[in-house]
Protein backbone atom coordinates (compact mmCIF):
# COMPACT_ATOMS: atom_id res chain seq x y z
CA UNK A 1 14.46 -9.71 21.49
CA UNK A 2 10.70 -9.24 21.98
CA UNK A 3 11.30 -7.79 25.43
CA UNK A 4 13.73 -5.23 24.00
CA UNK A 5 11.27 -4.23 21.28
CA UNK A 6 8.51 -3.87 23.92
CA UNK A 7 10.72 -1.59 26.02
CA UNK A 8 11.62 0.55 23.01
CA UNK A 9 7.96 0.86 21.98
CA UNK A 10 7.01 1.82 25.55
CA UNK A 11 9.68 4.55 25.57
CA UNK A 12 8.44 5.92 22.22
CA UNK A 13 4.87 5.92 23.56
CA UNK A 14 5.93 7.89 26.64
CA UNK A 15 7.73 10.46 24.46
CA UNK A 16 4.76 10.81 22.11
CA UNK A 17 2.27 11.25 24.94
CA UNK A 18 4.36 13.65 26.99
CA UNK A 19 5.58 16.02 24.22
CA UNK A 20 2.19 17.70 23.46
CA UNK A 21 1.35 17.92 27.16
CA UNK A 22 4.64 19.61 28.00
CA UNK A 23 4.29 22.03 25.08
CA UNK A 24 0.74 23.02 26.14
CA UNK A 25 1.55 23.93 29.75
CA UNK A 26 4.72 22.51 31.27
CA UNK A 27 4.00 23.68 34.83
CA UNK A 28 0.58 22.08 35.44
CA UNK A 29 0.47 18.96 33.29
CA UNK A 30 1.28 15.51 34.65
CA UNK A 31 1.08 12.24 32.82
CA UNK A 32 1.05 8.95 34.69
CA UNK A 33 1.72 5.76 32.80
CA UNK A 34 2.02 2.25 34.11
CA UNK A 35 2.99 -0.86 32.18
CA UNK A 36 2.49 -4.48 33.03
CA UNK A 37 4.87 -6.92 31.39
CA UNK A 38 3.27 -10.29 30.70
CA UNK A 39 5.65 -12.74 29.02
CA UNK A 40 4.25 -14.38 25.91
CA UNK A 41 6.08 -17.59 26.74
CA UNK A 42 6.51 -19.28 30.08
CA UNK A 43 9.74 -18.87 31.98
CA UNK A 44 11.72 -22.10 31.86
CA UNK A 45 14.61 -23.95 33.45
CA UNK A 46 16.62 -26.59 31.56
CA UNK A 47 18.60 -29.44 33.08
CA UNK A 48 20.57 -32.25 31.41
CA UNK A 49 22.19 -35.39 32.83
CA UNK A 50 24.03 -38.36 31.37
CA UNK A 51 23.83 -41.97 32.54
CA UNK A 52 26.78 -44.22 31.63
CA UNK A 53 25.78 -47.43 29.89
CA UNK A 54 27.87 -50.36 28.67
CA UNK A 55 29.83 -49.79 25.47
CA UNK A 56 30.19 -46.47 23.71
CA UNK A 57 26.61 -45.27 24.28
CA UNK A 58 25.11 -43.29 27.14
CA UNK A 59 21.61 -42.08 28.00
CA UNK A 60 21.12 -38.30 27.90
CA UNK A 61 18.08 -37.01 29.80
CA UNK A 62 16.91 -33.44 29.25
CA UNK A 63 14.29 -31.92 31.55
CA UNK A 64 12.57 -28.59 30.94
CA UNK A 65 10.49 -27.05 33.72
CA UNK A 66 8.13 -24.33 32.49
CA UNK A 67 6.78 -21.76 34.95
CA UNK A 68 3.58 -19.96 33.94
CA UNK A 69 2.36 -16.56 35.22
CA UNK A 70 -0.62 -18.20 36.96
CA UNK A 71 1.77 -20.25 39.15
CA UNK A 72 1.45 -23.57 37.34
CA UNK A 73 4.41 -25.68 36.25
CA UNK A 74 4.84 -28.05 33.32
CA UNK A 75 7.71 -30.55 33.33
CA UNK A 76 8.87 -32.02 30.02
CA UNK A 77 11.44 -34.84 30.05
CA UNK A 78 12.94 -36.78 27.17
CA UNK A 79 15.82 -39.25 26.95
CA UNK A 80 18.17 -39.89 24.04
CA UNK A 81 20.81 -42.54 23.33
CA UNK A 82 24.09 -40.75 22.57
CA UNK A 83 27.72 -41.67 21.96
CA UNK A 84 30.47 -40.70 24.41
CA UNK A 85 31.59 -37.05 24.04
CA UNK A 86 28.53 -36.18 21.94
CA UNK A 87 27.56 -32.61 21.10
CA UNK A 88 24.26 -32.04 19.32
CA UNK A 89 20.93 -30.22 19.36
CA UNK A 90 17.92 -32.14 20.66
CA UNK A 91 14.21 -31.28 20.41
CA UNK A 92 12.33 -31.51 23.69
CA UNK A 93 8.72 -30.30 23.85
CA UNK A 94 9.22 -27.84 21.01
CA UNK A 95 12.44 -26.43 22.51
CA UNK A 96 15.76 -26.94 20.70
CA UNK A 97 18.39 -27.72 23.32
CA UNK A 98 22.12 -27.83 22.56
CA UNK A 99 24.03 -30.24 24.82
CA UNK A 100 27.77 -30.88 24.75
CA UNK A 101 28.94 -33.85 26.84
CA UNK A 102 32.43 -34.66 28.02
CA UNK A 103 33.67 -38.08 29.00
CA UNK A 104 30.92 -40.41 30.07
CA UNK A 105 28.76 -38.40 32.48
CA UNK A 106 29.84 -34.75 32.36
CA UNK A 107 27.85 -31.92 30.75
CA UNK A 108 30.15 -29.31 29.25
CA UNK A 109 27.37 -27.05 27.90
CA UNK A 110 23.56 -27.06 27.95
CA UNK A 111 21.54 -24.20 26.49
CA UNK A 112 18.28 -23.42 24.74
CA UNK A 113 18.88 -22.41 21.13
CA UNK A 114 15.23 -22.06 20.10
CA UNK A 115 11.92 -21.87 21.94
CA UNK A 116 8.40 -22.74 20.77
CA UNK A 117 6.81 -19.88 18.86
CA UNK A 118 10.07 -18.18 17.87
């Protein structure tokens, strides 16, 4: 959502800056603009796995790998005890992760539903 708003604001800025210049002298005026997009949050990759345990409980492990613009990485891992066929939202390092499991060790769905700072 923030990226879309940034793109829209950039387009409005280009229109505002170019309109007076074109009206003054459209044949000799050039405007050069360059934009650098720097994400406010790190890029991230989410992975989930389930380990079968005895009884009706399993161990869900969620790992988030954050990639920062300066090339550094931060790996956040947390484990949860869950029932078979569980579907729930789990908090890992400030991220809210929805995980839907199937059977004992299958992941049906894994997605980020909220990120830190949103």
